[in-house]
Amino acid sequence: KLFGAAGKYKFLATAQGLRGATSPAFHAGPGNGLLRECWIGQSDISAARDASEILGQALEMPVVLATNFSARISGELIAPQSGEYKFWLAAGGTAELWLGADASPASKTKLVAVTAKTPYRKWPHINEAESPTVSLQAGQRYYFEIHQAQPNGSTQLAVRWQLPDGREERPIPAFHFELPKP
């Protein structure tokens, strides 16, 4: 049941003769993360990728020394609430955030782009890119993609959003995303 439905959960541990323990609350589902693909020394992301990984915690790449690469992060965004959303994108190089009108990659349009280096997780920042508001429907899936390029120096990337109820998530947790279909 834990992995079949979205919600907040706690673990409860009991053993005879010992005091029980309860974990802090955590969130599970409905999504399972995003796919990050990398190309070393090239900007052509239609070529065979050099590496890939799953971003299963949050929509961010911490600061690392990595130069001369391109990356694509993709998946389906599952909107948790109906209403108006706003996104902010920060990156060490350049980056573009694309969002679909539905779950189809063909429906994507560029929502926002970073054209100057932004510090890691420093919000707000003058070079951070802010999207216009977009209307999303709870439970609906929207194709989501980020293109990142890093010609030199250290790199990082993070995305935050403001939900319709006014709360912000910095960065966006990965459970709001589903891995792309093969």
N, C-alpha and C. Protein backbone atom coordinates (compact mmCIF):
# COMPACT_ATOMS: atom_id res chain seq x y z
N LYS A 1 0.82 -1.19 0.00
CA LYS A 1 0.00 0.00 0.00
C LYS A 1 0.86 1.26 0.00
N LEU A 2 1.99 1.21 0.61
CA LEU A 2 2.85 2.39 0.72
C LEU A 2 3.24 2.92 -0.66
N PHE A 3 3.57 2.06 -1.60
CA PHE A 3 4.03 2.52 -2.90
C PHE A 3 2.91 2.61 -3.93
N GLY A 4 1.69 2.21 -3.56
CA GLY A 4 0.60 2.24 -4.49
C GLY A 4 -0.20 3.53 -4.50
N ALA A 5 -0.04 4.35 -3.48
CA ALA A 5 -0.84 5.57 -3.39
C ALA A 5 0.02 6.72 -2.88
N ALA A 6 -0.32 7.91 -3.33
CA ALA A 6 0.40 9.09 -2.86
C ALA A 6 -0.11 9.49 -1.49
N GLY A 7 0.76 10.01 -0.66
CA GLY A 7 0.35 10.49 0.64
C GLY A 7 1.50 10.60 1.60
N LYS A 8 1.18 11.05 2.82
CA LYS A 8 2.19 11.15 3.86
C LYS A 8 2.11 9.91 4.73
N TYR A 9 3.28 9.39 5.10
CA TYR A 9 3.37 8.16 5.86
C TYR A 9 4.37 8.31 6.99
N LYS A 10 4.27 7.38 7.95
CA LYS A 10 5.26 7.24 9.01
C LYS A 10 5.50 5.74 9.20
N PHE A 11 6.74 5.38 9.54
CA PHE A 11 7.04 4.01 9.92
C PHE A 11 6.89 3.88 11.42
N LEU A 12 6.32 2.77 11.86
CA LEU A 12 6.18 2.48 13.27
C LEU A 12 6.90 1.16 13.53
N ALA A 13 7.87 1.20 14.43
CA ALA A 13 8.63 -0.02 14.76
C ALA A 13 8.30 -0.44 16.18
N THR A 14 7.97 -1.72 16.34
CA THR A 14 7.71 -2.27 17.67
C THR A 14 8.41 -3.62 17.79
N ALA A 15 8.82 -3.92 19.00
CA ALA A 15 9.43 -5.22 19.30
C ALA A 15 9.17 -5.53 20.77
N GLN A 16 8.90 -6.77 21.05
CA GLN A 16 8.58 -7.17 22.42
C GLN A 16 9.74 -6.82 23.34
N GLY A 17 9.43 -6.15 24.44
CA GLY A 17 10.44 -5.79 25.42
C GLY A 17 11.18 -4.49 25.11
N LEU A 18 10.90 -3.86 23.96
CA LEU A 18 11.55 -2.60 23.59
C LEU A 18 10.51 -1.51 23.41
N ARG A 19 10.95 -0.30 23.60
CA ARG A 19 10.08 0.85 23.39
C ARG A 19 9.85 1.03 21.88
N GLY A 20 8.64 1.37 21.47
CA GLY A 20 8.33 1.60 20.06
C GLY A 20 8.96 2.88 19.54
N ALA A 21 9.10 2.98 18.25
CA ALA A 21 9.67 4.17 17.62
C ALA A 21 8.85 4.51 16.38
N THR A 22 8.70 5.81 16.14
CA THR A 22 7.97 6.29 14.96
C THR A 22 8.90 7.20 14.16
N SER A 23 8.93 6.99 12.86
CA SER A 23 9.77 7.81 11.98
C SER A 23 9.14 9.18 11.78
N PRO A 24 9.94 10.13 11.31
CA PRO A 24 9.34 11.40 10.88
C PRO A 24 8.43 11.14 9.69
N ALA A 25 7.46 12.00 9.47
CA ALA A 25 6.55 11.85 8.32
C ALA A 25 7.33 12.01 7.03
N PHE A 26 6.96 11.23 6.02
CA PHE A 26 7.59 11.35 4.71
C PHE A 26 6.50 11.19 3.66
N HIS A 27 6.81 11.61 2.46
CA HIS A 27 5.85 11.58 1.36
C HIS A 27 6.22 10.45 0.41
N ALA A 28 5.22 9.74 -0.10
CA ALA A 28 5.44 8.68 -1.09
C ALA A 28 4.53 8.91 -2.29
N GLY A 29 5.10 8.77 -3.47
CA GLY A 29 4.38 8.79 -4.72
C GLY A 29 3.69 10.10 -5.03
N PRO A 30 3.03 10.20 -6.15
CA PRO A 30 2.75 9.10 -7.06
C PRO A 30 3.88 8.80 -8.04
N GLY A 31 4.85 9.71 -8.21
CA GLY A 31 5.89 9.53 -9.23
C GLY A 31 7.12 8.83 -8.72
N ASN A 32 8.05 8.56 -9.67
CA ASN A 32 9.28 7.85 -9.33
C ASN A 32 10.54 8.56 -9.81
N GLY A 33 10.44 9.83 -10.24
CA GLY A 33 11.64 10.58 -10.58
C GLY A 33 11.74 10.99 -12.03
N LEU A 34 12.93 11.47 -12.37
CA LEU A 34 13.23 11.97 -13.72
C LEU A 34 14.47 11.27 -14.27
N LEU A 35 14.57 11.22 -15.59
CA LEU A 35 15.74 10.66 -16.26
C LEU A 35 16.68 11.79 -16.63
N ARG A 36 17.96 11.67 -16.25
CA ARG A 36 18.98 12.64 -16.65
C ARG A 36 19.96 11.93 -17.58
N GLU A 37 20.12 12.46 -18.80
CA GLU A 37 21.03 11.91 -19.79
C GLU A 37 22.11 12.94 -20.06
N CYS A 38 23.37 12.48 -20.25
CA CYS A 38 24.50 13.39 -20.48
C CYS A 38 25.25 13.04 -21.76
N TRP A 39 25.77 14.09 -22.40
CA TRP A 39 26.61 13.99 -23.58
C TRP A 39 27.89 14.77 -23.30
N ILE A 40 29.04 14.13 -23.37
CA ILE A 40 30.32 14.76 -23.07
C ILE A 40 30.92 15.36 -24.34
N GLY A 41 31.32 16.62 -24.25
CA GLY A 41 32.01 17.27 -25.36
C GLY A 41 31.17 17.56 -26.58
N GLN A 42 29.85 17.52 -26.44
CA GLN A 42 29.00 17.81 -27.59
C GLN A 42 27.68 18.41 -27.15
N SER A 43 27.07 19.14 -28.04
CA SER A 43 25.77 19.74 -27.75
C SER A 43 24.64 19.03 -28.48
N ASP A 44 24.96 18.04 -29.31
CA ASP A 44 23.96 17.31 -30.08
C ASP A 44 23.35 16.21 -29.21
N ILE A 45 22.17 16.49 -28.64
CA ILE A 45 21.55 15.50 -27.76
C ILE A 45 20.74 14.46 -28.53
N SER A 46 20.82 14.48 -29.85
CA SER A 46 20.19 13.42 -30.63
C SER A 46 21.16 12.24 -30.83
N ALA A 47 22.45 12.45 -30.51
CA ALA A 47 23.46 11.39 -30.62
C ALA A 47 23.31 10.43 -29.44
N ALA A 48 24.02 9.32 -29.49
CA ALA A 48 23.99 8.36 -28.38
C ALA A 48 24.55 9.03 -27.12
N ARG A 49 23.86 8.85 -26.02
CA ARG A 49 24.28 9.48 -24.77
C ARG A 49 25.50 8.78 -24.18
N ASP A 50 26.26 9.53 -23.38
CA ASP A 50 27.44 8.98 -22.73
C ASP A 50 27.13 8.41 -21.35
N ALA A 51 26.10 8.93 -20.69
CA ALA A 51 25.75 8.46 -19.35
C ALA A 51 24.31 8.82 -19.06
N SER A 52 23.72 8.13 -18.09
CA SER A 52 22.37 8.46 -17.64
C SER A 52 22.21 8.07 -16.18
N GLU A 53 21.25 8.71 -15.53
CA GLU A 53 20.94 8.40 -14.14
C GLU A 53 19.50 8.80 -13.86
N ILE A 54 18.96 8.33 -12.76
CA ILE A 54 17.62 8.70 -12.33
C ILE A 54 17.75 9.69 -11.19
N LEU A 55 17.05 10.81 -11.31
CA LEU A 55 16.97 11.78 -10.22
C LEU A 55 15.75 11.38 -9.39
N GLY A 56 16.00 10.69 -8.29
CA GLY A 56 14.92 10.14 -7.49
C GLY A 56 14.60 10.90 -6.23
N GLN A 57 15.36 11.94 -5.92
CA GLN A 57 15.11 12.72 -4.70
C GLN A 57 14.45 14.06 -5.00
N ALA A 58 15.07 14.82 -5.89
CA ALA A 58 14.59 16.17 -6.17
C ALA A 58 15.10 16.62 -7.52
N LEU A 59 14.51 17.69 -8.03
CA LEU A 59 14.92 18.24 -9.32
C LEU A 59 16.06 19.21 -9.10
N GLU A 60 17.24 18.63 -8.90
CA GLU A 60 18.45 19.42 -8.72
C GLU A 60 19.67 18.56 -8.99
N MET A 61 20.74 19.24 -9.36
CA MET A 61 22.06 18.64 -9.50
C MET A 61 22.98 19.51 -8.65
N PRO A 62 23.50 18.98 -7.54
CA PRO A 62 24.38 19.77 -6.69
C PRO A 62 25.65 20.23 -7.42
N VAL A 63 26.35 21.17 -6.82
CA VAL A 63 27.57 21.72 -7.42
C VAL A 63 28.62 20.63 -7.59
N VAL A 64 29.11 20.48 -8.83
CA VAL A 64 30.20 19.55 -9.14
C VAL A 64 31.10 20.21 -10.18
N LEU A 65 32.33 19.77 -10.22
CA LEU A 65 33.25 20.26 -11.24
C LEU A 65 33.08 19.37 -12.46
N ALA A 66 32.38 19.89 -13.44
CA ALA A 66 32.11 19.15 -14.67
C ALA A 66 32.06 20.16 -15.80
N THR A 67 32.84 19.93 -16.81
CA THR A 67 32.88 20.89 -17.90
C THR A 67 32.62 20.22 -19.24
N ASN A 68 32.23 21.04 -20.19
CA ASN A 68 32.07 20.62 -21.56
C ASN A 68 31.10 19.45 -21.71
N PHE A 69 29.87 19.65 -21.26
CA PHE A 69 28.84 18.62 -21.42
C PHE A 69 27.49 19.26 -21.69
N SER A 70 26.58 18.45 -22.18
CA SER A 70 25.18 18.81 -22.34
C SER A 70 24.36 17.74 -21.63
N ALA A 71 23.19 18.13 -21.12
CA ALA A 71 22.34 17.18 -20.43
C ALA A 71 20.88 17.45 -20.76
N ARG A 72 20.10 16.38 -20.68
CA ARG A 72 18.64 16.50 -20.79
C ARG A 72 18.04 15.77 -19.60
N ILE A 73 17.12 16.43 -18.94
CA ILE A 73 16.36 15.84 -17.84
C ILE A 73 14.92 15.77 -18.33
N SER A 74 14.31 14.59 -18.24
CA SER A 74 12.96 14.46 -18.79
C SER A 74 12.10 13.52 -17.97
N GLY A 75 10.80 13.70 -18.13
CA GLY A 75 9.81 12.88 -17.46
C GLY A 75 8.43 13.49 -17.62
N GLU A 76 7.49 13.02 -16.84
CA GLU A 76 6.14 13.58 -16.83
C GLU A 76 5.89 14.22 -15.48
N LEU A 77 5.48 15.46 -15.47
CA LEU A 77 5.10 16.16 -14.25
C LEU A 77 3.67 15.79 -13.92
N ILE A 78 3.42 15.39 -12.67
CA ILE A 78 2.08 15.06 -12.21
C ILE A 78 1.66 16.18 -11.28
N ALA A 79 0.73 17.01 -11.72
CA ALA A 79 0.32 18.18 -10.94
C ALA A 79 -0.41 17.74 -9.67
N PRO A 80 0.04 18.22 -8.49
CA PRO A 80 -0.62 17.84 -7.24
C PRO A 80 -1.88 18.64 -6.94
N GLN A 81 -2.04 19.81 -7.55
CA GLN A 81 -3.19 20.67 -7.30
C GLN A 81 -3.63 21.29 -8.62
N SER A 82 -4.87 21.69 -8.71
CA SER A 82 -5.35 22.44 -9.87
C SER A 82 -5.14 23.92 -9.60
N GLY A 83 -4.68 24.64 -10.63
CA GLY A 83 -4.51 26.08 -10.49
C GLY A 83 -3.26 26.59 -11.17
N GLU A 84 -2.83 27.78 -10.74
CA GLU A 84 -1.71 28.49 -11.35
C GLU A 84 -0.40 28.13 -10.66
N TYR A 85 0.62 27.78 -11.47
CA TYR A 85 1.96 27.44 -11.00
C TYR A 85 2.96 28.44 -11.57
N LYS A 86 4.06 28.62 -10.86
CA LYS A 86 5.18 29.41 -11.36
C LYS A 86 6.45 28.62 -11.08
N PHE A 87 7.39 28.61 -12.04
CA PHE A 87 8.65 27.88 -11.92
C PHE A 87 9.81 28.86 -11.90
N TRP A 88 10.90 28.49 -11.20
CA TRP A 88 12.15 29.23 -11.22
C TRP A 88 13.27 28.24 -11.51
N LEU A 89 14.17 28.63 -12.39
CA LEU A 89 15.26 27.78 -12.84
C LEU A 89 16.59 28.47 -12.54
N ALA A 90 17.51 27.74 -11.91
CA ALA A 90 18.86 28.25 -11.65
C ALA A 90 19.85 27.21 -12.18
N ALA A 91 20.96 27.69 -12.78
CA ALA A 91 21.94 26.76 -13.35
C ALA A 91 23.30 27.43 -13.41
N GLY A 92 24.35 26.59 -13.37
CA GLY A 92 25.72 27.09 -13.46
C GLY A 92 26.11 27.50 -14.86
N GLY A 93 25.46 26.96 -15.86
CA GLY A 93 25.72 27.31 -17.26
C GLY A 93 24.45 27.89 -17.85
N THR A 94 24.02 27.33 -18.97
CA THR A 94 22.74 27.74 -19.55
C THR A 94 21.77 26.57 -19.41
N ALA A 95 20.48 26.90 -19.35
CA ALA A 95 19.47 25.85 -19.22
C ALA A 95 18.13 26.37 -19.74
N GLU A 96 17.32 25.44 -20.23
CA GLU A 96 15.97 25.75 -20.70
C GLU A 96 15.02 24.75 -20.07
N LEU A 97 13.86 25.23 -19.63
CA LEU A 97 12.82 24.37 -19.08
C LEU A 97 11.66 24.36 -20.07
N TRP A 98 11.26 23.16 -20.49
CA TRP A 98 10.18 22.96 -21.45
C TRP A 98 9.03 22.24 -20.74
N LEU A 99 7.79 22.61 -21.05
CA LEU A 99 6.62 21.99 -20.44
C LEU A 99 5.60 21.71 -21.53
N GLY A 100 5.00 20.52 -21.47
CA GLY A 100 3.99 20.14 -22.45
C GLY A 100 2.59 20.54 -22.04
N ALA A 101 1.71 20.64 -23.00
CA ALA A 101 0.30 20.90 -22.74
C ALA A 101 -0.39 19.62 -22.24
N ASP A 102 0.28 18.48 -22.45
CA ASP A 102 -0.18 17.17 -21.99
C ASP A 102 1.06 16.29 -21.83
N ALA A 103 0.90 14.97 -21.78
CA ALA A 103 2.02 14.06 -21.55
C ALA A 103 2.86 13.80 -22.80
N SER A 104 2.47 14.33 -23.93
CA SER A 104 3.18 14.09 -25.18
C SER A 104 4.38 15.02 -25.34
N PRO A 105 5.58 14.47 -25.66
CA PRO A 105 6.73 15.33 -25.92
C PRO A 105 6.48 16.32 -27.05
N ALA A 106 5.64 15.97 -28.01
CA ALA A 106 5.36 16.86 -29.14
C ALA A 106 4.62 18.13 -28.71
N SER A 107 4.01 18.13 -27.52
CA SER A 107 3.25 19.28 -27.05
C SER A 107 4.08 20.29 -26.27
N LYS A 108 5.38 20.04 -26.14
CA LYS A 108 6.22 20.90 -25.29
C LYS A 108 6.49 22.26 -25.92
N THR A 109 6.58 23.27 -25.04
CA THR A 109 7.01 24.61 -25.43
C THR A 109 7.98 25.11 -24.36
N LYS A 110 8.90 25.99 -24.80
CA LYS A 110 9.88 26.51 -23.85
C LYS A 110 9.18 27.47 -22.90
N LEU A 111 9.32 27.19 -21.60
CA LEU A 111 8.68 28.00 -20.57
C LEU A 111 9.62 29.08 -20.05
N VAL A 112 10.91 28.72 -19.88
CA VAL A 112 11.86 29.65 -19.28
C VAL A 112 13.29 29.22 -19.63
N ALA A 113 14.24 30.19 -19.63
CA ALA A 113 15.64 29.87 -19.94
C ALA A 113 16.57 30.67 -19.03
N VAL A 114 17.67 30.04 -18.62
CA VAL A 114 18.75 30.69 -17.88
C VAL A 114 19.85 30.99 -18.89
N THR A 115 20.28 32.25 -18.94
CA THR A 115 21.31 32.63 -19.89
C THR A 115 22.59 33.11 -19.20
N ALA A 116 22.57 33.26 -17.87
CA ALA A 116 23.75 33.66 -17.11
C ALA A 116 23.84 32.81 -15.85
N LYS A 117 25.06 32.54 -15.40
CA LYS A 117 25.30 31.69 -14.24
C LYS A 117 24.56 32.20 -13.01
N THR A 118 23.91 31.27 -12.30
CA THR A 118 23.24 31.60 -11.04
C THR A 118 23.86 30.77 -9.92
N PRO A 119 23.95 31.31 -8.72
CA PRO A 119 24.50 30.54 -7.60
C PRO A 119 23.59 29.36 -7.23
N TYR A 120 24.18 28.34 -6.67
CA TYR A 120 23.44 27.14 -6.27
C TYR A 120 22.48 27.46 -5.12
N ARG A 121 21.21 27.14 -5.33
CA ARG A 121 20.16 27.26 -4.32
C ARG A 121 20.07 28.64 -3.67
N LYS A 122 20.47 29.67 -4.36
CA LYS A 122 20.33 31.01 -3.81
C LYS A 122 19.11 31.64 -4.47
N TRP A 123 17.99 31.59 -3.76
CA TRP A 123 16.75 32.15 -4.29
C TRP A 123 16.29 33.27 -3.40
N PRO A 124 15.82 34.37 -3.92
CA PRO A 124 15.86 34.75 -5.33
C PRO A 124 17.24 35.25 -5.72
N HIS A 125 17.50 35.27 -7.01
CA HIS A 125 18.78 35.75 -7.53
C HIS A 125 18.51 36.48 -8.83
N ILE A 126 19.31 37.49 -9.10
CA ILE A 126 19.10 38.33 -10.28
C ILE A 126 19.15 37.56 -11.59
N ASN A 127 19.96 36.53 -11.71
CA ASN A 127 20.08 35.78 -12.96
C ASN A 127 19.16 34.57 -13.04
N GLU A 128 18.46 34.29 -11.97
CA GLU A 128 17.52 33.17 -11.96
C GLU A 128 16.40 33.47 -12.96
N ALA A 129 15.92 32.45 -13.63
CA ALA A 129 14.86 32.63 -14.63
C ALA A 129 13.51 32.27 -14.02
N GLU A 130 12.55 33.16 -14.16
CA GLU A 130 11.21 32.98 -13.61
C GLU A 130 10.23 32.79 -14.76
N SER A 131 9.38 31.79 -14.65
CA SER A 131 8.42 31.51 -15.72
C SER A 131 7.18 32.38 -15.56
N PRO A 132 6.42 32.50 -16.63
CA PRO A 132 5.07 33.05 -16.48
C PRO A 132 4.24 32.00 -15.73
N THR A 133 3.10 32.39 -15.20
CA THR A 133 2.24 31.40 -14.54
C THR A 133 1.64 30.47 -15.59
N VAL A 134 1.50 29.21 -15.20
CA VAL A 134 0.88 28.21 -16.07
C VAL A 134 -0.22 27.50 -15.29
N SER A 135 -1.29 27.21 -15.96
CA SER A 135 -2.43 26.54 -15.34
C SER A 135 -2.29 25.03 -15.54
N LEU A 136 -2.32 24.29 -14.43
CA LEU A 136 -2.23 22.82 -14.47
C LEU A 136 -3.41 22.23 -13.71
N GLN A 137 -3.81 21.02 -14.08
CA GLN A 137 -4.92 20.33 -13.44
C GLN A 137 -4.42 19.18 -12.57
N ALA A 138 -4.93 19.08 -11.36
CA ALA A 138 -4.52 18.04 -10.41
C ALA A 138 -4.66 16.65 -11.03
N GLY A 139 -3.60 15.85 -10.86
CA GLY A 139 -3.60 14.47 -11.35
C GLY A 139 -3.25 14.32 -12.82
N GLN A 140 -3.24 15.41 -13.58
CA GLN A 140 -2.90 15.35 -14.99
C GLN A 140 -1.39 15.24 -15.15
N ARG A 141 -0.96 14.65 -16.25
CA ARG A 141 0.46 14.49 -16.56
C ARG A 141 0.85 15.44 -17.68
N TYR A 142 2.01 16.08 -17.50
CA TYR A 142 2.52 17.04 -18.46
C TYR A 142 3.96 16.68 -18.79
N TYR A 143 4.28 16.61 -20.09
CA TYR A 143 5.66 16.33 -20.46
C TYR A 143 6.55 17.45 -19.92
N PHE A 144 7.72 17.07 -19.38
CA PHE A 144 8.62 18.02 -18.73
C PHE A 144 10.03 17.72 -19.20
N GLU A 145 10.78 18.76 -19.59
CA GLU A 145 12.13 18.54 -20.07
C GLU A 145 13.00 19.76 -19.76
N ILE A 146 14.25 19.50 -19.42
CA ILE A 146 15.24 20.55 -19.22
C ILE A 146 16.43 20.24 -20.10
N HIS A 147 16.94 21.24 -20.80
CA HIS A 147 18.21 21.14 -21.54
C HIS A 147 19.22 21.97 -20.76
N GLN A 148 20.38 21.40 -20.51
CA GLN A 148 21.44 22.10 -19.77
C GLN A 148 22.74 22.00 -20.57
N ALA A 149 23.50 23.09 -20.61
CA ALA A 149 24.81 23.09 -21.26
C ALA A 149 25.82 23.74 -20.32
N GLN A 150 26.99 23.13 -20.20
CA GLN A 150 28.05 23.64 -19.33
C GLN A 150 29.37 23.61 -20.08
N PRO A 151 29.80 24.74 -20.65
CA PRO A 151 31.05 24.74 -21.41
C PRO A 151 32.30 24.66 -20.54
N ASN A 152 32.26 25.24 -19.33
CA ASN A 152 33.43 25.20 -18.44
C ASN A 152 33.04 25.55 -17.01
N GLY A 153 33.96 25.31 -16.08
CA GLY A 153 33.73 25.64 -14.68
C GLY A 153 32.82 24.66 -13.97
N SER A 154 32.54 24.94 -12.69
CA SER A 154 31.67 24.06 -11.92
C SER A 154 30.23 24.25 -12.38
N THR A 155 29.42 23.25 -12.13
CA THR A 155 28.05 23.28 -12.61
C THR A 155 27.07 22.90 -11.50
N GLN A 156 25.84 23.32 -11.67
CA GLN A 156 24.74 22.95 -10.80
C GLN A 156 23.45 23.30 -11.51
N LEU A 157 22.35 22.76 -11.01
CA LEU A 157 21.04 23.07 -11.57
C LEU A 157 20.01 22.80 -10.48
N ALA A 158 19.02 23.66 -10.37
CA ALA A 158 17.93 23.45 -9.41
C ALA A 158 16.68 24.14 -9.94
N VAL A 159 15.52 23.53 -9.66
CA VAL A 159 14.24 24.10 -10.07
C VAL A 159 13.33 24.14 -8.84
N ARG A 160 12.72 25.29 -8.63
CA ARG A 160 11.71 25.44 -7.58
C ARG A 160 10.40 25.83 -8.23
N TRP A 161 9.31 25.69 -7.47
CA TRP A 161 8.02 26.14 -7.97
C TRP A 161 7.17 26.65 -6.85
N GLN A 162 6.15 27.43 -7.26
CA GLN A 162 5.12 27.87 -6.32
C GLN A 162 3.84 27.19 -6.75
N LEU A 163 3.21 26.51 -5.80
CA LEU A 163 1.97 25.80 -6.06
C LEU A 163 0.78 26.75 -5.98
N PRO A 164 -0.39 26.34 -6.48
CA PRO A 164 -1.57 27.21 -6.44
C PRO A 164 -1.95 27.67 -5.04
N ASP A 165 -1.65 26.87 -4.00
CA ASP A 165 -2.00 27.27 -2.64
C ASP A 165 -0.98 28.25 -2.03
N GLY A 166 0.04 28.65 -2.82
CA GLY A 166 1.02 29.63 -2.37
C GLY A 166 2.29 29.04 -1.80
N ARG A 167 2.29 27.73 -1.48
CA ARG A 167 3.51 27.09 -0.95
C ARG A 167 4.56 26.98 -2.04
N GLU A 168 5.83 27.03 -1.63
CA GLU A 168 6.95 26.79 -2.56
C GLU A 168 7.65 25.51 -2.17
N GLU A 169 8.14 24.81 -3.17
CA GLU A 169 9.00 23.64 -2.94
C GLU A 169 10.32 23.94 -3.62
N ARG A 170 11.41 23.93 -2.82
CA ARG A 170 12.75 24.32 -3.27
C ARG A 170 13.75 23.24 -2.91
N PRO A 171 14.17 22.42 -3.80
CA PRO A 171 13.75 22.17 -5.18
C PRO A 171 12.48 21.33 -5.22
N ILE A 172 11.97 21.12 -6.42
CA ILE A 172 10.75 20.31 -6.58
C ILE A 172 11.09 18.86 -6.26
N PRO A 173 10.36 18.21 -5.33
CA PRO A 173 10.61 16.80 -5.02
C PRO A 173 10.35 15.90 -6.23
N ALA A 174 11.14 14.85 -6.35
CA ALA A 174 11.04 13.94 -7.49
C ALA A 174 9.75 13.15 -7.53
N PHE A 175 9.04 13.02 -6.39
CA PHE A 175 7.80 12.25 -6.41
C PHE A 175 6.69 12.93 -7.21
N HIS A 176 6.92 14.17 -7.66
CA HIS A 176 5.95 14.84 -8.54
C HIS A 176 6.18 14.48 -10.01
N PHE A 177 7.16 13.61 -10.29
CA PHE A 177 7.51 13.26 -11.67
C PHE A 177 7.48 11.75 -11.89
N GLU A 178 7.15 11.36 -13.10
CA GLU A 178 7.17 9.95 -13.51
C GLU A 178 8.23 9.82 -14.60
N LEU A 179 9.03 8.78 -14.54
CA LEU A 179 10.06 8.55 -15.56
C LEU A 179 9.43 8.46 -16.94
N PRO A 180 10.18 8.90 -17.98
CA PRO A 180 9.62 8.85 -19.34
C PRO A 180 9.36 7.41 -19.77
N LYS A 181 8.37 7.26 -20.62
CA LYS A 181 8.05 5.93 -21.16
C LYS A 181 9.14 5.51 -22.15
N PRO A 182 9.55 4.23 -22.12
CA PRO A 182 10.61 3.77 -23.04
C PRO A 182 10.19 3.82 -24.49
